[in-house]
Amino acid sequence: MVYSVFKHKVKLADKTIDSCGINVCDENGITVRTVYDVSCSFSAVSSLVESLNSGKVEPVHLDGILEDFYLHNC
């Protein structure tokens, strides 16, 4: 699996903000999961993605890792 960060816009009430999400691709480059609005901090999501890739984390563990990420970064 390969994790990557992407930027997107989120509309909140009457304004739009920049946010970052995570794409999960298989070994063929096919997206198997997309998680939107992980954080507004590109550097925080980039660090998380780097850790996911270096640790070769299986997608089944992503939700638990995101919970920990939110506990420590929000």
Protein backbone atom coordinates (compact mmCIF):
# COMPACT_ATOMS: atom_id res chain seq x y z
CA MET A 1 0.00 0.00 0.00
CA VAL A 2 1.06 3.54 -0.71
CA TYR A 3 -0.36 6.47 1.21
CA SER A 4 -0.37 10.01 -0.18
CA VAL A 5 -1.64 13.38 0.99
CA PHE A 6 -3.90 15.58 -1.11
CA LYS A 7 -5.39 19.04 -0.69
CA HIS A 8 -9.07 19.83 -1.11
CA LYS A 9 -11.63 22.46 -0.13
CA VAL A 10 -14.23 22.09 2.62
CA LYS A 11 -17.28 24.35 2.77
CA LEU A 12 -18.33 25.35 6.27
CA ALA A 13 -21.43 27.50 6.53
CA ASP A 14 -20.57 30.58 4.50
CA LYS A 15 -16.83 30.06 3.99
CA THR A 16 -14.49 27.61 2.30
CA ILE A 17 -11.29 26.35 3.94
CA ASP A 18 -8.32 24.34 2.69
CA SER A 19 -8.00 20.86 4.11
CA CYS A 20 -5.89 17.75 3.53
CA GLY A 21 -6.85 14.13 3.08
CA ILE A 22 -5.18 10.78 2.57
CA ASN A 23 -5.36 8.47 -0.46
CA VAL A 24 -4.52 4.80 -0.08
CA CYS A 25 -3.39 3.05 -3.28
CA ASP A 26 -2.58 -0.59 -3.87
CA GLU A 27 0.60 -1.83 -5.56
CA ASN A 28 -1.00 -1.17 -8.98
CA GLY A 29 -1.71 2.47 -8.14
CA ILE A 30 -5.44 1.91 -7.80
CA THR A 31 -7.08 3.95 -5.05
CA VAL A 32 -8.62 1.61 -2.48
CA ARG A 33 -9.60 4.25 0.07
CA THR A 34 -9.83 8.02 0.37
CA VAL A 35 -10.12 9.86 3.67
CA TYR A 36 -11.16 13.50 3.37
CA ASP A 37 -10.63 16.33 5.84
CA VAL A 38 -7.97 14.73 8.04
CA SER A 39 -6.46 18.10 8.99
CA CYS A 40 -5.94 21.65 7.77
CA SER A 41 -2.22 21.20 8.44
CA PHE A 42 -0.46 19.92 5.34
CA SER A 43 2.74 19.30 7.31
CA ALA A 44 0.93 17.23 9.96
CA VAL A 45 -0.78 15.03 7.36
CA SER A 46 2.45 14.73 5.37
CA SER A 47 4.27 13.49 8.48
CA LEU A 48 1.49 11.01 9.16
CA VAL A 49 1.61 9.75 5.56
CA GLU A 50 5.39 9.39 5.77
CA SER A 51 5.01 7.28 8.91
CA LEU A 52 2.28 5.15 7.33
CA ASN A 53 4.48 4.45 4.30
CA SER A 54 7.68 3.78 6.24
CA GLY A 55 5.80 1.46 8.61
CA LYS A 56 4.08 -0.35 5.73
CA VAL A 57 0.78 0.00 7.59
CA GLU A 58 -2.11 -2.07 6.29
CA PRO A 59 -5.30 -0.07 5.61
CA VAL A 60 -7.23 -2.08 8.18
CA HIS A 61 -5.27 -0.18 10.87
CA LEU A 62 -5.83 3.29 9.41
CA ASP A 63 -8.94 4.17 11.44
CA GLY A 64 -7.20 3.42 14.74
CA ILE A 65 -4.14 5.39 13.68
CA LEU A 66 -6.34 8.34 12.69
CA GLU A 67 -8.03 8.23 16.11
CA ASP A 68 -4.60 8.48 17.76
CA PHE A 69 -3.64 11.27 15.35
CA TYR A 70 -6.74 13.26 16.31
CA LEU A 71 -6.13 12.72 20.04
CA HIS A 72 -2.60 14.11 19.75
CA ASN A 73 -3.17 16.85 17.16
CA CYS A 74 -6.57 18.35 17.96
